[in-house]
Protein backbone atom coordinates (compact mmCIF):
# COMPACT_ATOMS: atom_id res chain seq x y z
CA MET A 1 0.00 0.00 0.01
CA ALA A 2 2.87 2.36 0.81
CA ARG A 3 4.46 1.74 -2.58
CA TRP A 4 1.15 2.33 -4.31
CA LEU A 5 0.75 5.66 -2.56
CA LEU A 6 4.34 6.65 -3.39
CA GLY A 7 3.52 6.12 -7.05
CA LEU A 8 0.77 8.68 -6.85
CA LYS A 9 3.27 11.36 -5.87
CA LYS A 10 0.88 14.18 -4.91
CA ASP A 11 -2.50 12.59 -4.28
CA VAL A 12 -3.41 14.39 -1.07
CA MET A 13 -6.73 12.65 -0.39
CA SER A 14 -5.29 9.15 -0.81
CA ALA A 15 -2.35 10.07 1.44
CA GLN A 16 -4.66 11.30 4.20
CA LYS A 17 -6.87 8.17 4.00
CA THR A 18 -3.84 5.86 4.05
CA PHE A 19 -2.31 7.64 7.01
CA ARG A 20 -5.63 7.45 8.89
CA MET A 21 -5.88 3.71 8.31
CA LEU A 22 -2.26 3.00 9.28
CA HIS A 23 -2.63 5.31 12.31
CA ALA A 24 -5.65 3.26 13.46
CA PHE A 25 -3.56 0.10 13.59
CA ILE A 26 -1.01 1.77 15.87
CA LYS A 27 -3.60 3.61 17.97
CA GLN A 28 -5.64 0.44 18.58
CA LYS A 29 -2.48 -1.52 19.41
CA GLY A 30 -2.88 -3.71 16.33
CA ASP A 31 -6.46 -4.85 17.07
CA LEU A 32 -8.76 -2.68 14.91
CA LEU A 33 -11.95 -4.42 15.84
CA GLU A 34 -11.05 -4.75 19.53
CA GLN A 35 -12.56 -8.26 19.71
CA GLY A 36 -9.52 -9.94 21.15
CA ARG A 37 -9.37 -12.53 18.33
CA LEU A 38 -5.79 -11.73 17.31
CA SER A 39 -2.80 -13.15 19.10
CA ALA A 40 -0.23 -10.82 20.68
CA ALA A 41 2.26 -11.74 17.93
CA GLU A 42 -0.23 -10.83 15.21
CA MET A 43 -1.04 -7.47 16.84
CA SER A 44 2.69 -6.76 17.19
CA TRP A 45 3.26 -7.55 13.53
CA LEU A 46 0.37 -5.29 12.45
CA ARG A 47 1.69 -2.41 14.56
CA LEU A 48 5.19 -2.79 13.15
CA SER A 49 3.99 -3.10 9.53
CA ALA A 50 1.79 -0.02 9.86
CA GLY A 51 4.61 1.94 11.47
CA THR A 52 7.23 1.06 8.87
CA ALA A 53 4.75 1.84 6.08
CA MET A 54 4.18 5.26 7.60
CA LEU A 55 7.92 5.87 7.71
CA LYS A 56 8.28 4.87 4.04
CA ILE A 57 5.47 7.24 3.00
CA CYS A 58 6.95 10.13 5.03
CA GLU A 59 10.14 9.87 2.99
CA GLN A 60 8.24 11.09 -0.11
CA LYS A 61 7.73 14.82 -0.47
CA GLY A 62 4.13 15.73 -1.22
CA VAL A 63 2.33 12.69 0.20
CA GLY A 64 4.55 12.60 3.31
CA ASP A 65 3.53 16.15 4.12
CA GLN A 66 0.00 14.99 4.98
CA PHE A 67 1.28 13.48 8.26
CA THR A 68 -0.46 15.13 11.27
CA ALA A 69 0.95 15.89 14.69
CA GLU A 70 -1.26 13.29 16.34
CA GLN A 71 -0.12 10.62 13.91
CA PHE A 72 3.50 11.70 14.52
CA TYR A 73 3.04 11.29 18.30
CA ASN A 74 1.30 7.90 18.04
CA LEU A 75 3.91 6.61 15.65
CA SER A 76 6.55 7.52 18.25
CA GLN A 77 4.89 5.04 20.63
CA LEU A 78 6.50 2.22 18.64
CA MET A 79 9.85 3.38 20.14
CA VAL A 80 8.50 2.33 23.53
CA ASP A 81 6.49 -0.64 22.37
CA PRO A 82 6.20 -3.44 25.01
CA VAL A 83 7.58 -5.98 22.50
CA PRO A 84 11.37 -5.60 22.15
CA GLU A 85 11.43 -7.02 18.62
CA VAL A 86 8.99 -4.34 17.46
CA ARG A 87 11.12 -1.59 19.02
CA GLU A 88 14.28 -2.96 17.48
CA ALA A 89 12.81 -3.43 13.95
CA PHE A 90 11.15 0.00 14.00
CA THR A 91 14.41 1.66 15.18
CA LYS A 92 16.32 -0.01 12.33
CA LYS A 93 13.77 1.29 9.77
CA LEU A 94 13.92 4.75 11.35
CA HIS A 95 17.71 4.79 11.19
CA LYS A 96 17.71 3.59 7.57
CA GLY A 97 15.18 6.27 6.58
CA LEU A 98 17.20 9.04 8.22
CA ASN A 99 20.51 7.75 6.87
CA LYS A 100 19.72 7.96 3.16
CA GLY A 101 22.01 10.32 1.30
CA ILE A 102 19.41 11.58 -1.15
CA PRO A 103 17.81 14.75 0.25
CA HIS A 104 14.37 14.21 -1.26
CA LYS A 105 14.20 10.50 -0.44
CA CYS A 106 14.94 10.56 3.32
CA LEU A 107 12.84 11.14 6.41
CA PRO A 108 12.44 14.72 7.69
CA LEU A 109 14.77 15.65 10.53
CA ASP A 110 11.75 15.81 12.88
CA PHE A 111 12.05 12.06 13.18
CA MET A 112 15.43 12.36 14.92
CA GLY A 113 13.46 13.25 18.05
CA TYR A 114 12.29 9.68 18.26
CA TYR A 115 15.75 8.62 19.39
CA VAL A 116 15.13 10.31 22.73
CA LEU A 117 12.45 7.68 23.43
CA GLU A 118 14.73 4.74 22.70
CA LYS A 119 15.12 2.33 25.62
CA GLN A 120 18.64 1.34 26.48
């Protein structure tokens, strides 16, 4: 889905809808329907997948600019996720996104603030 949205370049409405959907996965801790039918591992995987997709979209100018402050805050919660594997994988994706040498294909510097939340 993130790759599809990146192909649209400047489709603001699609970007907002995609961010809202991915944000819901993180906000609801991976269980959108809140019925308790998903295992903890599945919910962790959904949170991580949504978070990494949001990072990928934010690398693209135009569609990445549709990211709201609330979504930014809730995405930061993956840095303090209760599952260590989620924290580690998200941190790796964050580092990779910030470390790209191409100015228009890397994450905005705002995301460097996430490192403050990293558990030692």
